[in-house]
Each structure stands twice: as C-alpha cells, then as structure tokens.
C-alpha atoms as a PDB file:
ATOM      1  CA  MET A   1    -187.622   9.054  21.371  1.00  0.00           C
ATOM      2  CA  LYS A   2    -187.652   8.889  25.020  1.00  0.00           C
ATOM      3  CA  VAL A   3    -186.751  11.927  26.360  1.00  0.00           C
ATOM      4  CA  ARG A   4    -185.806  13.538  29.309  1.00  0.00           C
ATOM      5  CA  ILE A   5    -185.586  16.872  30.918  1.00  0.00           C
ATOM      6  CA  ILE A   6    -182.875  17.956  33.029  1.00  0.00           C
ATOM      7  CA  ILE A   7    -182.938  21.181  35.855  1.00  0.00           C
ATOM      8  CA  PRO A   8    -180.824  21.816  37.882  1.00  0.00           C
ATOM      9  CA  ALA A   9    -181.838  23.793  40.558  1.00  0.00           C
ATOM     10  CA  LEU A  10    -180.590  25.975  43.700  1.00  0.00           C
ATOM     11  CA  ASN A  11    -183.024  28.274  45.811  1.00  0.00           C
ATOM     12  CA  GLU A  12    -185.358  28.696  42.630  1.00  0.00           C
ATOM     13  CA  GLU A  13    -189.085  28.944  44.045  1.00  0.00           C
ATOM     14  CA  GLU A  14    -189.626  31.717  42.177  1.00  0.00           C
ATOM     15  CA  SER A  15    -189.331  30.279  38.508  1.00  0.00           C
ATOM     16  CA  ILE A  16    -188.974  26.410  38.858  1.00  0.00           C
ATOM     17  CA  GLY A  17    -192.677  25.480  38.886  1.00  0.00           C
ATOM     18  CA  GLU A  18    -193.276  27.825  35.483  1.00  0.00           C
ATOM     19  CA  VAL A  19    -190.448  26.493  33.535  1.00  0.00           C
ATOM     20  CA  ILE A  20    -191.650  22.470  34.534  1.00  0.00           C
ATOM     21  CA  GLU A  21    -195.496  23.326  33.423  1.00  0.00           C
ATOM     22  CA  GLY A  22    -193.969  25.619  30.762  1.00  0.00           C
ATOM     23  CA  PHE A  23    -192.438  21.499  29.656  1.00  0.00           C
ATOM     24  CA  LYS A  24    -195.941  19.930  30.334  1.00  0.00           C
ATOM     25  CA  ARG A  25    -197.188  22.406  28.474  1.00  0.00           C
ATOM     26  CA  ALA A  26    -194.736  21.429  25.331  1.00  0.00           C
ATOM     27  CA  GLY A  27    -196.326  17.621  25.617  1.00  0.00           C
ATOM     28  CA  TYR A  28    -192.608  16.520  28.271  1.00  0.00           C
ATOM     29  CA  SER A  29    -193.755  15.095  31.549  1.00  0.00           C
ATOM     30  CA  ASN A  30    -190.268  13.318  32.075  1.00  0.00           C
ATOM     31  CA  ILE A  31    -188.705  16.246  34.205  1.00  0.00           C
ATOM     32  CA  LEU A  32    -186.151  15.299  36.211  1.00  0.00           C
ATOM     33  CA  VAL A  33    -185.241  17.827  39.218  1.00  0.00           C
ATOM     34  CA  VAL A  34    -181.756  18.318  40.912  1.00  0.00           C
ATOM     35  CA  ASP A  35    -181.644  20.048  43.719  1.00  0.00           C
ATOM     36  CA  GLY A  36    -178.642  21.538  45.208  1.00  0.00           C
ATOM     37  CA  LYS A  37    -179.692  21.711  48.861  1.00  0.00           C
ATOM     38  CA  SER A  38    -181.963  24.636  48.613  1.00  0.00           C
ATOM     39  CA  THR A  39    -183.252  26.044  51.725  1.00  0.00           C
ATOM     40  CA  ASP A  40    -186.405  27.641  50.328  1.00  0.00           C
ATOM     41  CA  ARG A  41    -189.641  25.307  48.485  1.00  0.00           C
ATOM     42  CA  THR A  42    -187.369  24.614  45.415  1.00  0.00           C
ATOM     43  CA  ARG A  43    -187.932  21.329  45.583  1.00  0.00           C
ATOM     44  CA  GLU A  44    -191.614  21.223  47.139  1.00  0.00           C
ATOM     45  CA  VAL A  45    -192.858  23.773  44.164  1.00  0.00           C
ATOM     46  CA  ALA A  46    -191.085  20.748  41.698  1.00  0.00           C
ATOM     47  CA  LYS A  47    -192.623  17.764  43.393  1.00  0.00           C
ATOM     48  CA  GLU A  48    -196.459  19.713  43.553  1.00  0.00           C
ATOM     49  CA  LYS A  49    -195.807  20.357  39.730  1.00  0.00           C
ATOM     50  CA  GLY A  50    -194.864  16.788  38.918  1.00  0.00           C
ATOM     51  CA  ALA A  51    -190.996  16.439  38.842  1.00  0.00           C
ATOM     52  CA  GLU A  52    -189.060  13.894  40.330  1.00  0.00           C
ATOM     53  CA  VAL A  53    -186.990  15.573  42.295  1.00  0.00           C
ATOM     54  CA  ILE A  54    -183.172  14.539  43.667  1.00  0.00           C
ATOM     55  CA  VAL A  55    -181.310  16.041  46.072  1.00  0.00           C
ATOM     56  CA  GLN A  56    -177.582  16.370  44.308  1.00  0.00           C
ATOM     57  CA  SER A  57    -175.396  14.530  46.783  1.00  0.00           C
ATOM     58  CA  GLY A  58    -172.124  17.019  46.410  1.00  0.00           C
ATOM     59  CA  HIS A  59    -172.265  21.288  45.417  1.00  0.00           C
ATOM     60  CA  GLY A  60    -171.868  23.121  41.849  1.00  0.00           C
ATOM     61  CA  LYS A  61    -173.989  23.210  38.791  1.00  0.00           C
ATOM     62  CA  GLY A  62    -171.151  20.686  37.660  1.00  0.00           C
ATOM     63  CA  GLN A  63    -171.596  18.016  39.854  1.00  0.00           C
ATOM     64  CA  ALA A  64    -175.100  17.909  39.448  1.00  0.00           C
ATOM     65  CA  VAL A  65    -175.387  16.983  35.962  1.00  0.00           C
ATOM     66  CA  ILE A  66    -172.893  14.301  35.972  1.00  0.00           C
ATOM     67  CA  GLU A  67    -174.823  13.081  39.210  1.00  0.00           C
ATOM     68  CA  ALA A  68    -178.155  13.012  36.783  1.00  0.00           C
ATOM     69  CA  PHE A  69    -176.300  11.564  33.391  1.00  0.00           C
ATOM     70  CA  GLN A  70    -175.082   8.751  35.616  1.00  0.00           C
ATOM     71  CA  LEU A  71    -178.904   8.323  36.794  1.00  0.00           C
ATOM     72  CA  VAL A  72    -180.879   8.752  33.660  1.00  0.00           C
ATOM     73  CA  GLU A  73    -180.985   5.929  30.044  1.00  0.00           C
ATOM     74  CA  ASP A  74    -183.279   8.563  28.079  1.00  0.00           C
ATOM     75  CA  ASP A  75    -182.826   8.730  24.662  1.00  0.00           C
ATOM     76  CA  VAL A  76    -182.362  12.249  24.944  1.00  0.00           C
ATOM     77  CA  VAL A  77    -181.609  14.989  27.274  1.00  0.00           C
ATOM     78  CA  VAL A  78    -182.333  18.155  27.625  1.00  0.00           C
ATOM     79  CA  LEU A  79    -180.524  20.514  30.269  1.00  0.00           C
ATOM     80  CA  ILE A  80    -182.294  23.581  31.219  1.00  0.00           C
ATOM     81  CA  ASP A  81    -181.261  26.211  33.674  1.00  0.00           C
ATOM     82  CA  ALA A  82    -184.401  26.499  36.370  1.00  0.00           C
ATOM     83  CA  ASP A  83    -184.207  30.815  36.402  1.00  0.00           C
ATOM     84  CA  GLY A  84    -187.288  31.463  33.969  1.00  0.00           C
ATOM     85  CA  THR A  85    -184.180  33.204  31.149  1.00  0.00           C
ATOM     86  CA  TYR A  86    -185.007  29.995  28.657  1.00  0.00           C
ATOM     87  CA  LEU A  87    -188.607  29.075  27.264  1.00  0.00           C
ATOM     88  CA  ALA A  88    -189.517  25.498  27.439  1.00  0.00           C
ATOM     89  CA  SER A  89    -191.772  25.905  24.469  1.00  0.00           C
ATOM     90  CA  GLU A  90    -188.596  26.385  22.558  1.00  0.00           C
ATOM     91  CA  VAL A  91    -187.624  22.977  23.397  1.00  0.00           C
ATOM     92  CA  GLU A  92    -188.607  21.406  19.852  1.00  0.00           C
ATOM     93  CA  ARG A  93    -186.338  23.636  18.192  1.00  0.00           C
ATOM     94  CA  LEU A  94    -183.305  21.904  20.030  1.00  0.00           C
ATOM     95  CA  LEU A  95    -184.729  18.337  19.699  1.00  0.00           C
ATOM     96  CA  GLU A  96    -185.324  18.832  16.029  1.00  0.00           C
ATOM     97  CA  PRO A  97    -181.579  18.079  14.366  1.00  0.00           C
ATOM     98  CA  ILE A  98    -181.250  14.606  16.470  1.00  0.00           C
ATOM     99  CA  LYS A  99    -184.489  13.814  15.376  1.00  0.00           C
ATOM    100  CA  ARG A 100    -182.924  14.784  11.617  1.00  0.00           C
ATOM    101  CA  GLY A 101    -179.696  12.722  12.380  1.00  0.00           C
ATOM    102  CA  ILE A 102    -178.159  15.588  11.699  1.00  0.00           C
ATOM    103  CA  ALA A 103    -176.568  16.539  15.279  1.00  0.00           C
ATOM    104  CA  ASP A 104    -175.598  15.128  18.533  1.00  0.00           C
ATOM    105  CA  HIS A 105    -175.615  17.895  20.541  1.00  0.00           C
ATOM    106  CA  VAL A 106    -177.415  20.676  20.116  1.00  0.00           C
ATOM    107  CA  VAL A 107    -177.146  24.618  21.528  1.00  0.00           C
ATOM    108  CA  GLY A 108    -179.484  27.102  21.811  1.00  0.00           C
ATOM    109  CA  ASN A 109    -177.276  30.274  20.878  1.00  0.00           C
ATOM    110  CA  ARG A 110    -179.236  33.254  23.431  1.00  0.00           C
ATOM    111  CA  LEU A 111    -176.944  36.074  22.052  1.00  0.00           C
ATOM    112  CA  ILE A 112    -179.341  36.552  19.053  1.00  0.00           C
ATOM    113  CA  ASN A 113    -182.064  37.249  20.839  1.00  0.00           C
ATOM    114  CA  PHE A 114    -181.932  38.377  24.095  1.00  0.00           C
ATOM    115  CA  GLU A 115    -184.312  40.704  26.289  1.00  0.00           C
ATOM    116  CA  LYS A 116    -183.306  43.824  27.460  1.00  0.00           C
ATOM    117  CA  GLY A 117    -181.714  43.047  30.776  1.00  0.00           C
ATOM    118  CA  ALA A 118    -181.016  39.574  30.144  1.00  0.00           C
ATOM    119  CA  PHE A 119    -177.560  40.704  30.041  1.00  0.00           C
ATOM    120  CA  THR A 120    -175.567  43.718  32.069  1.00  0.00           C
ATOM    121  CA  LYS A 121    -172.832  44.840  29.900  1.00  0.00           C
ATOM    122  CA  LEU A 122    -170.028  43.257  31.532  1.00  0.00           C
ATOM    123  CA  ASN A 123    -171.568  39.603  31.372  1.00  0.00           C
ATOM    124  CA  LEU A 124    -172.554  40.307  27.290  1.00  0.00           C
ATOM    125  CA  LEU A 125    -168.843  41.295  26.614  1.00  0.00           C
ATOM    126  CA  GLY A 126    -167.279  38.594  28.647  1.00  0.00           C
ATOM    127  CA  ASN A 127    -169.904  36.270  26.719  1.00  0.00           C
ATOM    128  CA  LYS A 128    -168.309  37.608  23.414  1.00  0.00           C
ATOM    129  CA  ILE A 129    -164.487  37.441  24.442  1.00  0.00           C
ATOM    130  CA  ILE A 130    -165.158  34.278  26.075  1.00  0.00           C
ATOM    131  CA  ASN A 131    -166.761  32.684  22.873  1.00  0.00           C
ATOM    132  CA  PHE A 132    -164.454  34.556  20.512  1.00  0.00           C
ATOM    133  CA  LEU A 133    -161.418  33.118  22.224  1.00  0.00           C
ATOM    134  CA  PHE A 134    -163.086  29.713  22.175  1.00  0.00           C
ATOM    135  CA  ARG A 135    -163.277  29.912  17.777  1.00  0.00           C
ATOM    136  CA  LEU A 136    -160.109  30.888  17.988  1.00  0.00           C
ATOM    137  CA  LEU A 137    -158.336  28.128  20.282  1.00  0.00           C
ATOM    138  CA  TYR A 138    -160.666  25.435  18.573  1.00  0.00           C
ATOM    139  CA  GLY A 139    -161.429  26.717  15.258  1.00  0.00           C
ATOM    140  CA  VAL A 140    -165.087  25.794  15.962  1.00  0.00           C
ATOM    141  CA  ASP A 141    -167.500  27.986  14.450  1.00  0.00           C
ATOM    142  CA  LEU A 142    -170.006  28.144  17.759  1.00  0.00           C
ATOM    143  CA  HIS A 143    -171.224  31.398  18.966  1.00  0.00           C
ATOM    144  CA  ASP A 144    -172.742  30.875  22.493  1.00  0.00           C
ATOM    145  CA  ILE A 145    -170.766  27.457  24.169  1.00  0.00           C
ATOM    146  CA  LEU A 146    -172.100  29.092  27.892  1.00  0.00           C
ATOM    147  CA  SER A 147    -175.522  28.637  26.618  1.00  0.00           C
ATOM    148  CA  GLY A 148    -177.088  26.629  29.957  1.00  0.00           C
ATOM    149  CA  TYR A 149    -180.007  25.446  27.466  1.00  0.00           C
ATOM    150  CA  ARG A 150    -179.313  21.998  25.287  1.00  0.00           C
ATOM    151  CA  ALA A 151    -179.966  18.812  24.017  1.00  0.00           C
ATOM    152  CA  LEU A 152    -177.353  15.400  23.753  1.00  0.00           C
ATOM    153  CA  THR A 153    -178.971  12.477  23.052  1.00  0.00           C
ATOM    154  CA  LYS A 154    -177.001   9.028  25.040  1.00  0.00           C
ATOM    155  CA  ASP A 155    -174.015   8.379  23.328  1.00  0.00           C
ATOM    156  CA  VAL A 156    -173.225  11.922  24.235  1.00  0.00           C
ATOM    157  CA  TYR A 157    -173.814  12.387  27.689  1.00  0.00           C
ATOM    158  CA  LYS A 158    -172.853   8.676  28.652  1.00  0.00           C
ATOM    159  CA  SER A 159    -169.400   8.850  26.719  1.00  0.00           C
ATOM    160  CA  VAL A 160    -168.241  12.237  27.953  1.00  0.00           C
ATOM    161  CA  ASN A 161    -165.951  13.049  30.401  1.00  0.00           C
ATOM    162  CA  LEU A 162    -166.922  15.974  32.976  1.00  0.00           C
ATOM    163  CA  GLU A 163    -165.176  17.153  35.834  1.00  0.00           C
ATOM    164  CA  LYS A 164    -165.838  20.497  36.306  1.00  0.00           C
ATOM    165  CA  MET A 165    -168.059  21.403  39.198  1.00  0.00           C
ATOM    166  CA  GLY A 166    -169.202  24.729  38.504  1.00  0.00           C
ATOM    167  CA  PHE A 167    -170.130  26.777  35.725  1.00  0.00           C
ATOM    168  CA  GLU A 168    -167.116  25.713  33.693  1.00  0.00           C
ATOM    169  CA  LEU A 169    -169.754  22.394  32.711  1.00  0.00           C
ATOM    170  CA  GLU A 170    -171.021  23.828  29.522  1.00  0.00           C
ATOM    171  CA  THR A 171    -167.390  24.753  28.213  1.00  0.00           C
ATOM    172  CA  GLU A 172    -166.723  21.220  29.674  1.00  0.00           C
ATOM    173  CA  LEU A 173    -169.379  19.766  27.582  1.00  0.00           C
ATOM    174  CA  THR A 174    -168.965  21.270  24.599  1.00  0.00           C
ATOM    175  CA  VAL A 175    -165.192  20.563  24.231  1.00  0.00           C
ATOM    176  CA  GLU A 176    -165.746  16.470  25.065  1.00  0.00           C
ATOM    177  CA  SER A 177    -168.339  16.546  22.584  1.00  0.00           C
ATOM    178  CA  ILE A 178    -165.908  17.899  19.474  1.00  0.00           C
ATOM    179  CA  ALA A 179    -163.236  16.003  20.752  1.00  0.00           C
ATOM    180  CA  ASN A 180    -165.112  12.387  20.563  1.00  0.00           C
ATOM    181  CA  GLY A 181    -166.479  13.963  17.428  1.00  0.00           C
ATOM    182  CA  PHE A 182    -169.735  14.097  18.281  1.00  0.00           C
ATOM    183  CA  LYS A 183    -171.470  16.184  15.928  1.00  0.00           C
ATOM    184  CA  ILE A 184    -172.795  19.803  17.033  1.00  0.00           C
ATOM    185  CA  VAL A 185    -174.923  22.556  16.202  1.00  0.00           C
ATOM    186  CA  GLU A 186    -176.625  25.901  17.775  1.00  0.00           C
ATOM    187  CA  VAL A 187    -179.856  26.774  16.732  1.00  0.00           C
ATOM    188  CA  PRO A 188    -181.540  30.853  17.588  1.00  0.00           C
ATOM    189  CA  ILE A 189    -183.528  30.944  20.738  1.00  0.00           C
ATOM    190  CA  SER A 190    -184.818  33.576  23.245  1.00  0.00           C
ATOM    191  CA  TYR A 191    -183.077  34.263  26.667  1.00  0.00           C
ATOM    192  CA  ARG A 192    -185.233  36.425  28.959  1.00  0.00           C
ATOM    193  CA  LYS A 193    -184.095  38.375  32.306  1.00  0.00           C
ATOM    194  CA  ARG A 194    -184.176  35.939  34.914  1.00  0.00           C
ATOM    195  CA  ALA A 195    -186.210  35.643  38.345  1.00  0.00           C
ATOM    196  CA  GLY A 196    -184.261  36.311  41.578  1.00  0.00           C
ATOM    197  CA  LYS A 197    -180.740  37.251  42.357  1.00  0.00           C
ATOM    198  CA  THR A 198    -177.896  36.129  39.467  1.00  0.00           C
ATOM    199  CA  LYS A 199    -175.650  33.376  41.181  1.00  0.00           C
ATOM    200  CA  LEU A 200    -172.873  34.293  38.512  1.00  0.00           C
ATOM    201  CA  LYS A 201    -169.938  36.152  39.337  1.00  0.00           C
ATOM    202  CA  PRO A 202    -168.910  37.139  36.380  1.00  0.00           C
ATOM    203  CA  VAL A 203    -165.300  38.195  37.105  1.00  0.00           C
ATOM    204  CA  SER A 204    -164.205  35.205  39.047  1.00  0.00           C
ATOM    205  CA  ASP A 205    -166.220  32.731  37.187  1.00  0.00           C
ATOM    206  CA  GLY A 206    -165.215  34.431  33.825  1.00  0.00           C
ATOM    207  CA  TYR A 207    -161.437  33.899  34.798  1.00  0.00           C
ATOM    208  CA  ARG A 208    -162.012  29.667  35.452  1.00  0.00           C
ATOM    209  CA  ILE A 209    -164.313  29.758  32.263  1.00  0.00           C
ATOM    210  CA  ILE A 210    -161.273  30.754  30.216  1.00  0.00           C
ATOM    211  CA  ALA A 211    -158.614  28.862  32.056  1.00  0.00           C
ATOM    212  CA  THR A 212    -161.266  26.022  31.396  1.00  0.00           C
ATOM    213  CA  ILE A 213    -160.605  26.521  27.819  1.00  0.00           C
ATOM    214  CA  TYR A 214    -157.107  26.664  27.836  1.00  0.00           C
ATOM    215  CA  SER A 215    -157.237  23.150  30.283  1.00  0.00           C
ATOM    216  CA  LEU A 216    -158.924  21.784  27.682  1.00  0.00           C
ATOM    217  CA  LEU A 217    -157.460  22.414  25.103  1.00  0.00           C
ATOM    218  CA  GLY A 218    -155.456  18.935  25.221  1.00  0.00           C
ATOM    219  CA  ARG A 219    -158.476  16.789  24.786  1.00  0.00           C
ATOM    220  CA  TYR A 220    -159.747  18.460  21.767  1.00  0.00           C
ATOM    221  CA  SER A 221    -156.248  19.182  19.709  1.00  0.00           C
ATOM    222  CA  PRO A 222    -152.897  17.740  22.101  1.00  0.00           C
ATOM    223  CA  GLY A 223    -150.897  19.498  19.257  1.00  0.00           C
ATOM    224  CA  ARG A 224    -152.015  22.711  20.246  1.00  0.00           C
ATOM    225  CA  TYR A 225    -149.612  22.734  23.080  1.00  0.00           C
ATOM    226  CA  PHE A 226    -146.371  21.423  21.059  1.00  0.00           C
ATOM    227  CA  TYR A 227    -147.393  24.671  18.142  1.00  0.00           C
ATOM    228  CA  MET A 228    -147.710  27.347  21.057  1.00  0.00           C
ATOM    229  CA  PHE A 229    -144.201  26.039  22.634  1.00  0.00           C
ATOM    230  CA  GLY A 230    -142.767  25.595  18.880  1.00  0.00           C
ATOM    231  CA  ILE A 231    -143.914  28.484  17.764  1.00  0.00           C
ATOM    232  CA  SER A 232    -142.648  30.644  20.676  1.00  0.00           C
ATOM    233  CA  LEU A 233    -139.040  29.011  19.979  1.00  0.00           C
ATOM    234  CA  LEU A 234    -139.419  29.602  16.829  1.00  0.00           C
ATOM    235  CA  SER A 235    -139.624  33.666  17.105  1.00  0.00           C
ATOM    236  CA  LEU A 236    -137.200  34.010  19.899  1.00  0.00           C
ATOM    237  CA  GLY A 237    -134.223  31.894  17.147  1.00  0.00           C
ATOM    238  CA  PHE A 238    -136.164  34.558  14.833  1.00  0.00           C
ATOM    239  CA  ILE A 239    -135.295  37.577  17.111  1.00  0.00           C
ATOM    240  CA  LEU A 240    -132.177  36.045  18.471  1.00  0.00           C
ATOM    241  CA  GLY A 241    -130.719  35.816  14.410  1.00  0.00           C
ATOM    242  CA  ILE A 242    -131.563  39.166  13.416  1.00  0.00           C
ATOM    243  CA  TYR A 243    -129.811  40.407  16.520  1.00  0.00           C
ATOM    244  CA  ILE A 244    -126.315  38.285  15.094  1.00  0.00           C
ATOM    245  CA  VAL A 245    -126.287  39.199  11.762  1.00  0.00           C
ATOM    246  CA  LEU A 246    -126.887  43.064  13.222  1.00  0.00           C
ATOM    247  CA  GLU A 247    -124.269  42.880  15.645  1.00  0.00           C
ATOM    248  CA  TRP A 248    -122.036  40.579  12.295  1.00  0.00           C
ATOM    249  CA  MET A 249    -122.883  44.004   9.931  1.00  0.00           C
ATOM    250  CA  LYS A 250    -120.938  46.073  12.656  1.00  0.00           C
ATOM    251  CA  ARG A 251    -118.123  43.185  12.610  1.00  0.00           C
ATOM    252  CA  VAL A 252    -119.318  42.104  15.980  1.00  0.00           C
ATOM    253  CA  SER A 253    -119.089  37.912  16.165  1.00  0.00           C
ATOM    254  CA  HIS A 254    -121.750  35.900  18.737  1.00  0.00           C
ATOM    255  CA  PHE A 255    -120.582  32.451  18.234  1.00  0.00           C
ATOM    256  CA  LEU A 256    -122.368  31.183  21.430  1.00  0.00           C
ATOM    257  CA  LEU A 257    -125.475  32.641  20.341  1.00  0.00           C
ATOM    258  CA  VAL A 258    -124.890  31.439  17.435  1.00  0.00           C
ATOM    259  CA  ASN A 259    -125.590  27.707  18.933  1.00  0.00           C
ATOM    260  CA  LEU A 260    -128.212  29.378  20.753  1.00  0.00           C
ATOM    261  CA  VAL A 261    -130.132  30.288  17.762  1.00  0.00           C
ATOM    262  CA  SER A 262    -129.573  27.024  16.274  1.00  0.00           C
ATOM    263  CA  ILE A 263    -130.636  24.599  19.355  1.00  0.00           C
ATOM    264  CA  LEU A 264    -134.284  27.549  19.489  1.00  0.00           C
ATOM    265  CA  VAL A 265    -135.001  26.793  15.703  1.00  0.00           C
ATOM    266  CA  VAL A 266    -134.483  22.585  15.714  1.00  0.00           C
ATOM    267  CA  SER A 267    -136.467  22.739  18.632  1.00  0.00           C
ATOM    268  CA  GLY A 268    -138.784  24.734  17.590  1.00  0.00           C
ATOM    269  CA  ILE A 269    -139.283  22.783  14.523  1.00  0.00           C
ATOM    270  CA  MET A 270    -139.172  19.406  16.426  1.00  0.00           C
ATOM    271  CA  MET A 271    -142.042  21.163  18.181  1.00  0.00           C
ATOM    272  CA  LEU A 272    -144.146  21.757  15.213  1.00  0.00           C
ATOM    273  CA  ALA A 273    -143.201  18.170  14.027  1.00  0.00           C
ATOM    274  CA  ILE A 274    -144.559  16.220  16.868  1.00  0.00           C
ATOM    275  CA  GLY A 275    -147.710  18.736  17.098  1.00  0.00           C
ATOM    276  CA  ILE A 276    -148.909  17.879  13.711  1.00  0.00           C
ATOM    277  CA  LEU A 277    -148.312  13.993  14.601  1.00  0.00           C
ATOM    278  CA  SER A 278    -150.423  14.725  17.930  1.00  0.00           C
ATOM    279  CA  ASP A 279    -152.979  15.626  15.646  1.00  0.00           C
ATOM    280  CA  SER A 280    -153.150  13.826  12.433  1.00  0.00           C
ATOM    281  CA  LEU A 281    -153.003  10.792  15.152  1.00  0.00           C
ATOM    282  CA  PHE A 282    -155.886  12.497  17.421  1.00  0.00           C
ATOM    283  CA  ARG A 283    -158.223  13.579  14.240  1.00  0.00           C
ATOM    284  CA  ILE A 284    -157.692   9.637  12.913  1.00  0.00           C
ATOM    285  CA  ASN A 285    -158.738   8.242  16.772  1.00  0.00           C
ATOM    286  CA  VAL A 286    -162.063  10.404  16.309  1.00  0.00           C
ATOM    287  CA  THR A 287    -162.813   9.421  13.030  1.00  0.00           C
ATOM    288  CA  MET A 288    -163.030   6.101  13.598  1.00  0.00           C
ATOM    289  CA  ARG A 289    -164.842   6.089  17.128  1.00  0.00           C
ATOM    290  CA  ARG A 290    -167.466   8.348  14.843  1.00  0.00           C
ATOM    291  CA  GLU A 291    -167.646   6.115  11.879  1.00  0.00           C
ATOM    292  CA  ILE A 292    -167.569   2.776  14.728  1.00  0.00           C
ATOM    293  CA  ARG A 293    -171.361   4.638  15.707  1.00  0.00           C
ATOM    294  CA  GLU A 294    -172.715   5.321  12.505  1.00  0.00           C
ATOM    295  CA  ILE A 295    -171.914   1.562  11.922  1.00  0.00           C
ATOM    296  CA  ASN A 296    -173.547   0.557  15.419  1.00  0.00           C
ATOM    297  CA  ARG A 297    -176.593   2.616  14.063  1.00  0.00           C
ATOM    298  CA  ARG A 298    -177.531   1.344  11.149  1.00  0.00           C
ATOM    299  CA  LEU A 299    -176.854  -2.322  12.785  1.00  0.00           C
ATOM    300  CA  GLU A 300    -179.685  -1.093  15.315  1.00  0.00           C
ATOM    301  CA  LYS A 301    -181.820   0.237  12.800  1.00  0.00           C
ATOM    302  CA  ILE A 302    -181.547  -3.237  10.750  1.00  0.00           C
ATOM    303  CA  GLU A 303    -182.342  -5.540  14.522  1.00  0.00           C
ATOM    304  CA  ARG A 304    -185.223  -3.087  15.156  1.00  0.00           C
ATOM    305  CA  LYS A 305    -186.947  -3.704  11.407  1.00  0.00           C
ATOM    306  CA  ARG A 306    -185.822  -7.140  11.637  1.00  0.00           C
ATOM    307  CA  ASP A 307    -188.408  -7.389  15.037  1.00  0.00           C
END
C-alpha cells in the first residue's frame, strides 16, 4: 500500500522539520508539503528534511489540499497540519483500519487525549458545540470532525467534491465521505500545544464552519430541508388550529383562518412526504455506489491473484 503524507503549511518553519522527521522515523518518506506562499523558511526547511515541496496556486488550507489531491495518485493519503500539534508516530493508528478493510476514511479524535494548553476554553467549547450540532443534524456518531489528522483511500480523495478554501475543509471532507457511502471511523490520537501563533479565528471561523455544516446538509440528506419546512408548516398550523378551537369555544368563528390552517397542514404533510421520498432515493443511490465499489475491489483482487 503506497502512502503519501500531505502537509499543508504556511509560515511553520519552527515545526515543519520535526513533523517531517517524525514521519521518516516511522518509515514514511513519501512526503508532500504544499506551501501557502510562506514568508519565512518553511519551504527551505522542508526541502532540507527531504520532503517534496510545491507552492500552492491559490490561498487557504482547503485550496492547498484540493491541489494536492489532484496531483497525487497514491493508494492512501495522510493529511496532517504542519504546526506540530499531531504526532507523526501515531500514523499507524490511522492507517490500521484502512489496512484491515474496515474504513475508507479515518479521523484522529483529538478530544480524548489533549495536552494542557492545546485548546483554549473558547476553542474547546466551540469544538464540542460544532460536533454536537453535526451529530444532531447528520445522525452520524463522530466526535471530532474538525481534526486535521486523517487518512483517506484513493477512492475517497479522488471522488470527493471539495469547494471550501479555508478551515471548513475538514467538515466538507467528512460530509462528502459519508454522503458518498464511504466507511468513516475515528481513532484516538494525542494533541499537543502548537508551536507559534494559531491562524484560527475562533469566532469567525467557527461561524463559517457551522454555516458549512448547514449548507452541506443537502449533500448528505436532501430530505432534511423538506423536513424542516414541513415541521415548521405543521407546527404553525397546529398553533393556529388551537387558537381557532379556543375562539370557537367563545362562539367566535374564523372561517378564513380555518382555510389557512388546512393549507398549512396539507402543505406540511406534502413537504414531509417529499423529504422521505428524497432521502429514500438518495440512500438507494449511496448503497448502489458502495456495492459497485465493493464489486470493483473484489474484481481487482481476483485480477491480482491471476497475475
């Protein structure tokens, strides 16, 4: 299994060398650093340590990863930040589920074991809120969707449709994977205090990530939007219906409101029905794609044995 380490970097000369050396000690020397036009010695240090270095054409972590995915052709890629917060020595934890065939996309969960000072109180609270919101909306039991340490098979990184250029990358990668029916699992990893100043802006970036979670909902569950509208219409109809009944008990009639309640209830039921139909068709499509991938894998194994 050919593994490529991809490291997006921007002004990380203090830590990039340690990250590269860590992977080399672990036996992984196929390392690509995608530099975001650093103004310090990030590129020079990376080259000195033996990594391949390219300068990204655009800006942002998301754009760097998109460019890397288009460039490489390895069986598996490992994404890791260049700031020294993750341990290269733990890479086997991420690769093991892929080697065993139980996962296509593995995410390192930082929230189980993190060093004191690795998160500010605001960042930790924001992470927990974002992950809770994700589980609530998507119904997927993941607890650290913002982790920057993850491993993906070629099937995953060549098929995901990434559009976000910034720190929303991890969220989009996660949603795209589950929307396309790939098996995604979490493994516990360590998380250390970063070297240098963080580039994350908790409030603005947190808002963009939450907005991304909502905007991507249509990719994973098209019916969710219809459910929201349907429940809203039914709730409004129910409230107005109670008001009409209470007024009727006072011998006050509201014939126009009765018609409005009827329209709201019927529209709400129709929206829910459309949502159920949309989700059913989407699930069938995802299942078919998963089965086709499994058949292709089996055929490839048979061809390898023949060769």
